[in-house]
Amino acid sequence: MSLSLSLLPAEVALAASHAPQICYALVELAATGGGGAAPVSWAVVADASRSMRIPIVSEEQFRDLVRSGGAQEVLVDGVPVWQLAGPVPEEVRASAPSALDYTARALHSVVERLDGADRLAIVACAEQARLLVAAGGERRAELVAGVARLRSARLGEQTDLAAGMRLALDELPAGVGVRRLILLTDGFTRDAAACLALAREAAARGVSVSTLGLGGDFQDDLLTRLADLSGGRAVFLRRPEQIPAAVAAELDAARGVVAQALTLELAMPRGAALRHATRLSPALAPLELVGEGQRLTLHLGDLERGAPVRLLLELLAPPAPPRPPPGDARVRLAALTAASGVASARADLLAHYAVAAPPPAPVLTAAARASAARLQRRATDAAAAGDHGAAAAHLRAAAARLRELGEVDLAEAALREAEALSATGRGTGLGARELTYATRRLGEHELDS
């Protein structure tokens, strides 16, 4: 396996100015060659809280519950909603699967597809976390028994995802193969900061965290950041019936990895600075920089076959060097090194100080997408801090960028969220999550389109 690293433009044309200048560069990282699929080590953290156990009744069953007085309409914050008047009848519970039942079905399918060199650990998590099983793919009976214990685990009413993540990471020791932590939840956790710290630890250990958010009432900002910090995937599931397919897709993605735990290191001369790094594909998202000063690292997760990683770097270039002639004044803005295992690739991003030239069209498109992603992230942060006015302003600015990109539907969705925040101080829930994940999919589009 070998890595390739390409830049657009390879040499940035800047004005011969005595002031610092902002410039952009597109980076593409790809893997070529490689052998067969590597073994997969999985640790699945399944939210086993009460909400995941609620039976999902059919429309006919719901009508029967209403007729029998088992469900009644009440007002919650002025909004009429239906609530159960008591325990779900056993005959209904027996025939109505819960989200946890769909999770168990998904894990059974994974067990059936594991090779002997693969490994699976299952952690049930609510107020407490419990390791249900950890075994290699050749011990299927043991793994199936562990899946069965998921339904009977009673671990409290609250949710502490960090406790589950800690147990899961302990089951992913260093070694050969693809290492993934899969987190499935439909709600909120009580220690988001601890989850983020564990995602950073996972990234440093070469483990990708993929998140599956279910329904309309989970922390989409937390789940997407957990994935982005470690180079994992973030998936939005509207209905529990989608859980098995989503889990199967995660296994397929892991099977397609040809380069593991990819990092990109930037070494910059004094006077140059990296302002922002945004991943464009496979999912559009601002990235966190590790390190400080003139040497920074980006954790990009695993590279799948035929799916290069594309980034946009926004840099502050130093003033033009004071030596004549200006037509030959060149400065290295960054030395880039991509690495995965024993493979690496290097390239220099140069600045040529003479006459400024506009960035290529794909770079301009990427900059607009990156701006929209950052504005949405700022809106999320402002809303979490209680500054709903600032959050609405950021969303309106994001809508303007999206409209410029021709994403009219996304622009309208951002404006609806802005109006909801301005009017009520609350987002729309499901609509906000759909906006978040739909914007991330902009990275799947071609940049020159």
Protein backbone atom coordinates (compact mmCIF):
# COMPACT_ATOMS: atom_id res chain seq x y z
CA MET A 1 0.00 0.00 0.00
CA SER A 2 1.19 3.51 -0.79
CA LEU A 3 -0.17 6.97 -0.04
CA SER A 4 -0.53 9.89 -2.42
CA LEU A 5 -0.79 13.55 -1.41
CA SER A 6 -1.75 16.24 -3.92
CA LEU A 7 -2.28 19.99 -3.60
CA LEU A 8 -4.37 22.52 -5.51
CA PRO A 9 -2.75 24.88 -6.18
CA ALA A 10 0.72 23.51 -5.54
CA GLU A 11 1.97 27.09 -5.59
CA VAL A 12 -0.19 29.97 -4.33
CA ALA A 13 0.14 33.25 -6.24
CA LEU A 14 0.15 36.17 -3.79
CA ALA A 15 0.69 39.89 -4.13
CA ALA A 16 4.12 41.25 -3.20
CA SER A 17 2.65 42.80 -0.08
CA HIS A 18 4.27 43.70 3.22
CA ALA A 19 1.13 42.53 5.09
CA PRO A 20 0.05 38.96 5.88
CA GLN A 21 -2.46 37.45 3.42
CA ILE A 22 -5.10 34.74 3.63
CA CYS A 23 -4.81 31.90 1.13
CA TYR A 24 -6.37 28.49 0.54
CA ALA A 25 -5.21 25.07 -0.60
CA LEU A 26 -7.08 21.87 -1.36
CA VAL A 27 -5.43 18.67 -0.14
CA GLU A 28 -6.32 15.20 -1.43
CA LEU A 29 -5.08 12.05 0.28
CA ALA A 30 -5.57 8.65 -1.31
CA ALA A 31 -4.25 5.12 -0.94
CA THR A 32 -3.21 2.89 -3.78
CA GLY A 33 -2.42 -0.81 -3.83
CA GLY A 34 -2.85 -2.76 -0.63
CA GLY A 35 -3.70 -6.38 -0.04
CA GLY A 36 -6.83 -8.06 1.23
CA ALA A 37 -9.16 -6.79 3.89
CA ALA A 38 -7.54 -6.36 7.31
CA PRO A 39 -9.07 -7.94 10.42
CA VAL A 40 -11.66 -5.76 12.15
CA SER A 41 -11.74 -5.14 15.91
CA TRP A 42 -15.07 -3.66 16.92
CA ALA A 43 -16.31 -2.35 20.24
CA VAL A 44 -20.01 -1.47 20.16
CA VAL A 45 -21.48 0.80 22.84
CA ALA A 46 -25.26 0.35 22.84
CA ASP A 47 -27.46 2.78 24.75
CA ALA A 48 -29.63 0.54 26.92
CA SER A 49 -31.56 3.27 28.70
CA ARG A 50 -35.35 3.21 29.18
CA SER A 51 -36.12 5.10 25.97
CA MET A 52 -34.38 2.40 23.91
CA ARG A 53 -36.68 -0.21 25.46
CA ILE A 54 -40.02 1.43 24.65
CA PRO A 55 -42.05 -0.84 22.34
CA ILE A 56 -42.69 0.57 18.89
CA VAL A 57 -46.36 -0.11 18.32
CA SER A 58 -48.03 -0.26 14.96
CA GLU A 59 -50.80 2.18 14.05
CA GLU A 60 -53.42 -0.51 14.69
CA GLN A 61 -51.93 -1.32 18.11
CA PHE A 62 -51.85 2.37 18.98
CA ARG A 63 -55.53 2.79 18.12
CA ASP A 64 -56.32 -0.19 20.34
CA LEU A 65 -54.38 1.40 23.20
CA VAL A 66 -56.29 4.66 22.77
CA ARG A 67 -59.66 2.86 22.74
CA SER A 68 -58.79 0.92 25.88
CA GLY A 69 -57.52 4.00 27.73
CA GLY A 70 -53.92 2.82 27.62
CA ALA A 71 -52.80 6.06 25.91
CA GLN A 72 -54.05 9.59 26.36
CA GLU A 73 -53.33 13.01 24.88
CA VAL A 74 -51.67 15.59 27.16
CA LEU A 75 -50.07 19.00 26.72
CA VAL A 76 -46.29 19.26 27.02
CA ASP A 77 -44.98 22.83 26.74
CA GLY A 78 -48.27 23.72 25.07
CA VAL A 79 -47.91 20.98 22.46
CA PRO A 80 -50.39 18.05 22.41
CA VAL A 81 -48.63 14.69 22.62
CA TRP A 82 -49.74 11.15 23.31
CA GLN A 83 -48.48 9.39 26.44
CA LEU A 84 -49.02 5.91 27.83
CA ALA A 85 -51.38 5.86 30.79
CA GLY A 86 -49.66 2.84 32.32
CA PRO A 87 -47.41 -0.12 31.54
CA VAL A 88 -47.58 -1.49 28.03
CA PRO A 89 -49.75 -4.64 27.99
CA GLU A 90 -47.68 -7.81 27.74
CA GLU A 91 -49.41 -8.94 24.53
CA VAL A 92 -48.44 -5.63 22.88
CA ARG A 93 -44.90 -5.72 24.25
CA ALA A 94 -44.42 -9.25 22.93
CA SER A 95 -45.23 -8.23 19.36
CA ALA A 96 -43.85 -4.67 19.29
CA PRO A 97 -40.04 -4.46 18.95
CA SER A 98 -38.04 -1.72 20.65
CA ALA A 99 -34.97 0.13 19.40
CA LEU A 100 -32.92 -2.20 21.60
CA ASP A 101 -34.50 -5.20 19.85
CA TYR A 102 -33.41 -3.79 16.48
CA THR A 103 -29.92 -3.24 17.94
CA ALA A 104 -29.77 -6.90 18.98
CA ARG A 105 -30.85 -7.96 15.47
CA ALA A 106 -28.07 -5.81 14.01
CA LEU A 107 -25.46 -7.35 16.30
CA HIS A 108 -26.62 -10.88 15.45
CA SER A 109 -26.03 -10.05 11.77
CA VAL A 110 -22.55 -8.76 12.58
CA VAL A 111 -21.69 -11.96 14.46
CA GLU A 112 -22.72 -14.02 11.44
CA ARG A 113 -20.37 -12.03 9.20
CA LEU A 114 -17.27 -12.02 11.42
CA ASP A 115 -14.16 -13.85 10.26
CA GLY A 116 -12.02 -15.83 12.64
CA ALA A 117 -9.42 -13.04 12.87
CA ASP A 118 -12.07 -10.40 13.70
CA ARG A 119 -13.03 -9.40 17.24
CA LEU A 120 -16.23 -7.97 18.72
CA ALA A 121 -16.88 -6.42 22.12
CA ILE A 122 -20.38 -5.32 23.19
CA VAL A 123 -20.93 -2.77 25.95
CA ALA A 124 -24.39 -1.92 27.30
CA CYS A 125 -24.59 1.58 28.66
CA ALA A 126 -27.08 3.64 30.65
CA GLU A 127 -26.40 5.09 34.11
CA GLN A 128 -23.79 2.35 34.41
CA ALA A 129 -21.81 0.52 31.75
CA ARG A 130 -21.30 -3.23 31.48
CA LEU A 131 -19.16 -5.33 29.17
CA LEU A 132 -21.48 -8.05 27.90
CA VAL A 133 -18.99 -10.00 25.80
CA ALA A 134 -15.61 -9.68 24.12
CA ALA A 135 -14.46 -12.49 21.87
CA GLY A 136 -12.99 -13.37 18.52
CA GLY A 137 -15.08 -14.17 15.50
CA GLU A 138 -14.50 -17.90 15.86
CA ARG A 139 -16.39 -17.93 19.21
CA ARG A 140 -19.83 -17.27 17.75
CA ALA A 141 -21.83 -19.01 20.45
CA GLU A 142 -20.22 -16.83 23.11
CA LEU A 143 -20.90 -13.69 21.09
CA VAL A 144 -24.54 -14.66 20.48
CA ALA A 145 -24.99 -15.18 24.22
CA GLY A 146 -23.55 -11.72 24.83
CA VAL A 147 -26.04 -10.19 22.40
CA ALA A 148 -28.87 -11.92 24.26
CA ARG A 149 -27.75 -10.26 27.50
CA LEU A 150 -28.30 -6.83 25.95
CA ARG A 151 -32.09 -7.02 26.35
CA SER A 152 -31.91 -8.03 30.02
CA ALA A 153 -29.31 -5.47 31.13
CA ARG A 154 -30.81 -3.06 33.67
CA LEU A 155 -28.30 -0.26 34.16
CA GLY A 156 -30.30 2.70 35.48
CA GLU A 157 -32.44 5.48 34.10
CA GLN A 158 -29.86 8.10 33.10
CA THR A 159 -27.23 7.80 30.37
CA ASP A 160 -23.46 8.10 30.80
CA LEU A 161 -21.96 7.38 27.40
CA ALA A 162 -18.45 8.18 28.63
CA ALA A 163 -18.55 5.16 30.95
CA GLY A 164 -19.40 2.95 27.99
CA MET A 165 -16.71 4.50 25.82
CA ARG A 166 -14.06 3.84 28.48
CA LEU A 167 -14.94 0.16 28.65
CA ALA A 168 -15.01 -0.08 24.86
CA LEU A 169 -11.59 1.53 24.42
CA ASP A 170 -10.12 -0.94 26.89
CA GLU A 171 -11.26 -3.70 24.53
CA LEU A 172 -9.41 -2.21 21.54
CA PRO A 173 -5.73 -2.77 22.32
CA ALA A 174 -3.02 -1.79 19.87
CA GLY A 175 -2.49 -4.31 17.14
CA VAL A 176 -2.89 -5.11 13.48
CA GLY A 177 -6.20 -4.40 11.80
CA VAL A 178 -8.97 -1.85 11.67
CA ARG A 179 -10.15 -0.69 15.10
CA ARG A 180 -13.56 0.93 15.45
CA LEU A 181 -15.70 2.09 18.35
CA ILE A 182 -19.40 2.24 17.38
CA LEU A 183 -21.69 4.34 19.58
CA LEU A 184 -25.50 4.04 19.24
CA THR A 185 -27.80 6.31 21.25
CA ASP A 186 -31.19 8.00 21.07
CA GLY A 187 -30.74 10.55 23.86
CA PHE A 188 -28.52 12.79 25.94
CA THR A 189 -25.52 11.96 28.09
CA ARG A 190 -24.64 13.61 31.36
CA ASP A 191 -20.93 14.14 30.67
CA ALA A 192 -20.37 15.34 27.11
CA ALA A 193 -16.92 16.76 27.92
CA ALA A 194 -15.70 13.34 29.05
CA CYS A 195 -16.95 11.82 25.79
CA LEU A 196 -15.00 14.37 23.76
CA ALA A 197 -11.85 13.70 25.77
CA LEU A 198 -12.23 9.98 25.12
CA ALA A 199 -12.68 10.61 21.37
CA ARG A 200 -9.38 12.52 21.39
CA GLU A 201 -7.76 9.64 23.24
CA ALA A 202 -9.18 7.21 20.69
CA ALA A 203 -7.76 9.28 17.83
CA ALA A 204 -4.32 9.34 19.46
CA ARG A 205 -4.49 5.54 19.72
CA GLY A 206 -5.55 5.11 16.09
CA VAL A 207 -9.16 4.17 16.89
CA SER A 208 -12.02 5.70 14.87
CA VAL A 209 -15.30 6.47 16.65
CA SER A 210 -18.44 6.12 14.51
CA THR A 211 -21.74 7.37 15.93
CA LEU A 212 -25.33 6.39 15.17
CA GLY A 213 -27.87 8.94 16.41
CA LEU A 214 -31.46 7.72 16.54
CA GLY A 215 -34.67 9.77 16.41
CA GLY A 216 -35.17 13.46 16.98
CA ASP A 217 -33.93 13.94 20.53
CA PHE A 218 -30.21 13.18 20.72
CA GLN A 219 -27.12 15.39 20.90
CA ASP A 220 -26.26 15.72 17.23
CA ASP A 221 -23.53 18.28 17.99
CA LEU A 222 -21.83 15.82 20.36
CA LEU A 223 -22.15 12.78 18.11
CA THR A 224 -20.82 14.55 15.03
CA ARG A 225 -17.86 15.95 16.97
CA LEU A 226 -17.00 12.54 18.41
CA ALA A 227 -16.81 11.21 14.87
CA ASP A 228 -14.89 14.19 13.51
CA LEU A 229 -12.29 14.17 16.29
CA SER A 230 -11.32 10.60 15.47
CA GLY A 231 -11.99 10.40 11.74
CA GLY A 232 -15.08 8.22 12.18
CA ARG A 233 -18.51 8.38 10.53
CA ALA A 234 -21.62 10.10 11.90
CA VAL A 235 -24.99 8.67 10.83
CA PHE A 236 -28.51 9.94 11.51
CA LEU A 237 -31.23 7.31 11.85
CA ARG A 238 -34.81 8.54 11.81
CA ARG A 239 -36.37 5.18 12.72
CA PRO A 240 -35.21 2.15 14.72
CA GLU A 241 -35.85 -0.09 11.71
CA GLN A 242 -32.81 1.54 10.09
CA ILE A 243 -30.42 0.29 12.79
CA PRO A 244 -29.52 -3.09 11.22
CA ALA A 245 -28.68 -1.59 7.82
CA ALA A 246 -26.62 1.19 9.41
CA VAL A 247 -24.61 -1.27 11.51
CA ALA A 248 -24.05 -3.48 8.47
CA ALA A 249 -22.81 -0.43 6.53
CA GLU A 250 -20.29 0.26 9.27
CA LEU A 251 -18.90 -3.25 8.93
CA ASP A 252 -18.73 -2.89 5.14
CA ALA A 253 -16.84 0.39 5.55
CA ALA A 254 -14.37 -1.22 7.93
CA ARG A 255 -13.83 -4.07 5.47
CA GLY A 256 -12.98 -1.51 2.76
CA VAL A 257 -10.16 0.18 4.70
CA VAL A 258 -6.78 0.16 2.96
CA ALA A 259 -4.91 2.66 5.18
CA GLN A 260 -5.49 2.87 8.92
CA ALA A 261 -5.25 5.76 11.37
CA LEU A 262 -4.25 8.36 8.78
CA THR A 263 -2.69 11.59 10.04
CA LEU A 264 -1.63 14.77 8.31
CA GLU A 265 1.15 16.80 9.88
CA LEU A 266 1.88 20.41 8.92
CA ALA A 267 5.19 22.09 9.66
CA MET A 268 5.10 25.84 8.96
CA PRO A 269 7.80 28.51 9.01
CA ARG A 270 7.63 31.37 11.45
CA GLY A 271 5.14 33.95 10.25
CA ALA A 272 2.80 31.41 8.62
CA ALA A 273 -0.25 30.08 10.45
CA LEU A 274 -3.07 27.63 9.81
CA ARG A 275 -6.38 29.38 10.54
CA HIS A 276 -8.84 26.60 9.73
CA ALA A 277 -8.84 23.02 8.45
CA THR A 278 -12.10 21.68 7.02
CA ARG A 279 -12.70 18.17 5.78
CA LEU A 280 -14.71 18.24 2.56
CA SER A 281 -15.12 14.53 1.97
CA PRO A 282 -16.19 11.99 2.90
CA ALA A 283 -18.19 14.37 5.17
CA LEU A 284 -18.10 18.16 5.42
CA ALA A 285 -16.90 19.23 8.88
CA PRO A 286 -14.49 21.62 10.62
CA LEU A 287 -11.54 19.69 12.07
CA GLU A 288 -9.73 20.12 15.36
CA LEU A 289 -6.00 20.83 15.23
CA VAL A 290 -3.70 18.93 17.57
CA GLY A 291 -0.56 20.72 18.70
CA GLU A 292 0.38 24.36 18.75
CA GLY A 293 2.72 26.85 17.14
CA GLN A 294 4.30 25.84 13.86
CA ARG A 295 3.69 22.07 14.01
CA LEU A 296 0.13 20.77 13.88
CA THR A 297 -1.52 17.38 13.32
CA LEU A 298 -4.90 16.35 11.95
CA HIS A 299 -6.35 12.92 12.79
CA LEU A 300 -8.25 11.74 9.71
CA GLY A 301 -9.22 8.16 10.58
CA ASP A 302 -9.08 5.33 8.06
CA LEU A 303 -8.87 5.55 4.28
CA GLU A 304 -11.31 3.35 2.41
CA ARG A 305 -10.58 1.95 -1.02
CA GLY A 306 -11.70 4.39 -3.72
CA ALA A 307 -12.71 7.08 -1.19
CA PRO A 308 -9.98 9.74 -0.89
CA VAL A 309 -10.02 12.29 1.91
CA ARG A 310 -10.20 15.91 0.75
CA LEU A 311 -9.40 18.88 2.97
CA LEU A 312 -9.41 22.64 2.65
CA LEU A 313 -6.64 24.50 4.46
CA GLU A 314 -7.03 28.19 5.20
CA LEU A 315 -3.63 29.71 5.95
CA LEU A 316 -2.24 33.08 6.87
CA ALA A 317 0.79 33.65 4.65
CA PRO A 318 3.62 35.86 5.93
CA PRO A 319 4.54 39.15 4.21
CA ALA A 320 6.55 38.94 1.02
CA PRO A 321 10.27 38.42 1.66
CA PRO A 322 12.25 41.68 1.38
CA ARG A 323 14.79 40.41 -1.12
CA PRO A 324 14.58 41.32 -4.87
CA PRO A 325 13.59 40.44 -7.47
CA PRO A 326 9.96 39.96 -6.37
CA GLY A 327 9.28 37.71 -9.36
CA ASP A 328 11.46 35.01 -7.79
CA ALA A 329 10.28 35.41 -4.21
CA ARG A 330 9.00 32.06 -3.01
CA VAL A 331 8.20 30.91 0.49
CA ARG A 332 7.25 27.49 1.77
CA LEU A 333 3.97 27.96 3.62
CA ALA A 334 3.79 24.40 4.94
CA ALA A 335 5.54 21.06 4.68
CA LEU A 336 2.81 18.40 4.68
CA THR A 337 3.37 14.79 5.73
CA ALA A 338 0.62 12.18 5.52
CA ALA A 339 1.26 8.93 7.38
CA SER A 340 -0.50 5.63 7.95
CA GLY A 341 1.44 2.72 9.41
CA VAL A 342 4.64 2.32 7.44
CA ALA A 343 3.42 4.37 4.45
CA SER A 344 3.84 8.12 4.11
CA ALA A 345 3.67 10.88 1.51
CA ARG A 346 5.06 14.42 1.52
CA ALA A 347 4.47 17.66 -0.33
CA ASP A 348 5.36 21.34 0.08
CA LEU A 349 2.82 24.13 -0.26
CA LEU A 350 4.64 27.12 -1.75
CA ALA A 351 3.71 30.78 -2.09
CA HIS A 352 4.93 32.82 -5.04
CA TYR A 353 4.96 36.58 -4.36
CA ALA A 354 4.44 38.58 -7.55
CA VAL A 355 0.93 39.28 -8.85
CA ALA A 356 -2.00 37.83 -6.93
CA ALA A 357 -4.16 35.33 -8.82
CA PRO A 358 -7.67 34.23 -7.84
CA PRO A 359 -7.94 30.70 -6.42
CA PRO A 360 -9.08 27.95 -8.83
CA ALA A 361 -12.84 27.42 -9.00
CA PRO A 362 -12.81 24.18 -6.95
CA VAL A 363 -10.98 26.03 -4.15
CA LEU A 364 -13.58 28.82 -4.13
CA THR A 365 -16.41 26.26 -3.96
CA ALA A 366 -14.66 24.45 -1.13
CA ALA A 367 -14.17 27.71 0.77
CA ALA A 368 -17.90 28.47 0.53
CA ARG A 369 -18.80 25.01 1.84
CA ALA A 370 -16.27 25.31 4.65
CA SER A 371 -17.71 28.67 5.63
CA ALA A 372 -21.24 27.25 5.81
CA ALA A 373 -20.04 24.36 7.99
CA ARG A 374 -18.20 26.67 10.40
CA LEU A 375 -21.19 29.00 10.68
CA GLN A 376 -23.45 26.08 11.58
CA ARG A 377 -20.93 24.92 14.19
CA ARG A 378 -20.84 28.42 15.68
CA ALA A 379 -24.64 28.49 15.76
CA THR A 380 -24.66 25.21 17.67
CA ASP A 381 -22.11 26.51 20.18
CA ALA A 382 -24.00 29.76 20.65
CA ALA A 383 -27.30 27.94 21.21
CA ALA A 384 -25.67 25.63 23.75
CA ALA A 385 -24.37 28.70 25.59
CA GLY A 386 -27.87 30.20 25.67
CA ASP A 387 -27.11 32.98 23.16
CA HIS A 388 -30.03 32.33 20.83
CA GLY A 389 -29.70 35.66 19.06
CA ALA A 390 -26.13 34.89 18.01
CA ALA A 391 -27.12 31.36 17.04
CA ALA A 392 -29.89 32.68 14.78
CA ALA A 393 -27.51 35.21 13.20
CA HIS A 394 -24.97 32.48 12.41
CA LEU A 395 -27.70 30.33 10.86
CA ARG A 396 -28.89 33.19 8.67
CA ALA A 397 -25.30 33.71 7.48
CA ALA A 398 -25.00 29.97 6.82
CA ALA A 399 -28.24 30.13 4.82
CA ALA A 400 -26.76 32.85 2.63
CA ARG A 401 -23.68 30.69 1.90
CA LEU A 402 -25.85 27.68 1.15
CA ARG A 403 -28.02 29.69 -1.23
CA GLU A 404 -24.87 30.87 -3.07
CA LEU A 405 -23.94 27.20 -3.48
CA GLY A 406 -27.33 26.45 -5.01
CA GLU A 407 -28.48 24.48 -1.93
CA VAL A 408 -31.87 26.18 -1.72
CA ASP A 409 -33.56 23.52 0.43
CA LEU A 410 -30.74 23.58 2.97
CA ALA A 411 -30.80 27.36 3.02
CA GLU A 412 -34.53 27.33 3.78
CA ALA A 413 -34.01 24.77 6.54
CA ALA A 414 -31.32 26.95 8.12
CA LEU A 415 -33.65 29.96 8.01
CA ARG A 416 -36.43 27.96 9.67
CA GLU A 417 -34.08 27.03 12.49
CA ALA A 418 -33.01 30.66 12.84
CA GLU A 419 -36.62 31.81 13.10
CA ALA A 420 -37.44 29.12 15.66
CA LEU A 421 -34.49 30.14 17.83
CA SER A 422 -35.41 33.83 17.58
CA ALA A 423 -39.08 33.25 18.39
CA THR A 424 -38.91 30.54 21.06
CA GLY A 425 -35.29 30.16 22.13
CA ARG A 426 -35.48 26.51 21.03
CA GLY A 427 -34.64 24.66 17.86
CA THR A 428 -37.05 22.45 15.99
CA GLY A 429 -35.48 19.17 17.14
CA LEU A 430 -35.78 16.78 14.25
CA GLY A 431 -35.46 19.58 11.69
CA ALA A 432 -32.25 20.80 13.28
CA ARG A 433 -30.73 17.33 13.16
CA GLU A 434 -31.73 16.84 9.54
CA LEU A 435 -30.05 20.16 8.69
CA THR A 436 -26.86 19.14 10.49
CA TYR A 437 -26.49 15.81 8.72
CA ALA A 438 -27.66 17.08 5.32
CA THR A 439 -25.00 19.82 5.40
CA ARG A 440 -22.34 17.23 6.17
CA ARG A 441 -23.34 15.38 2.99
CA LEU A 442 -22.33 18.39 0.89
CA GLY A 443 -18.85 16.90 1.02
CA GLU A 444 -20.06 14.07 -1.21
CA HIS A 445 -20.61 16.48 -4.14
CA GLU A 446 -17.97 17.24 -6.72
CA LEU A 447 -16.19 20.53 -6.07
CA ASP A 448 -16.28 21.68 -9.66
CA SER A 449 -20.05 21.19 -9.96
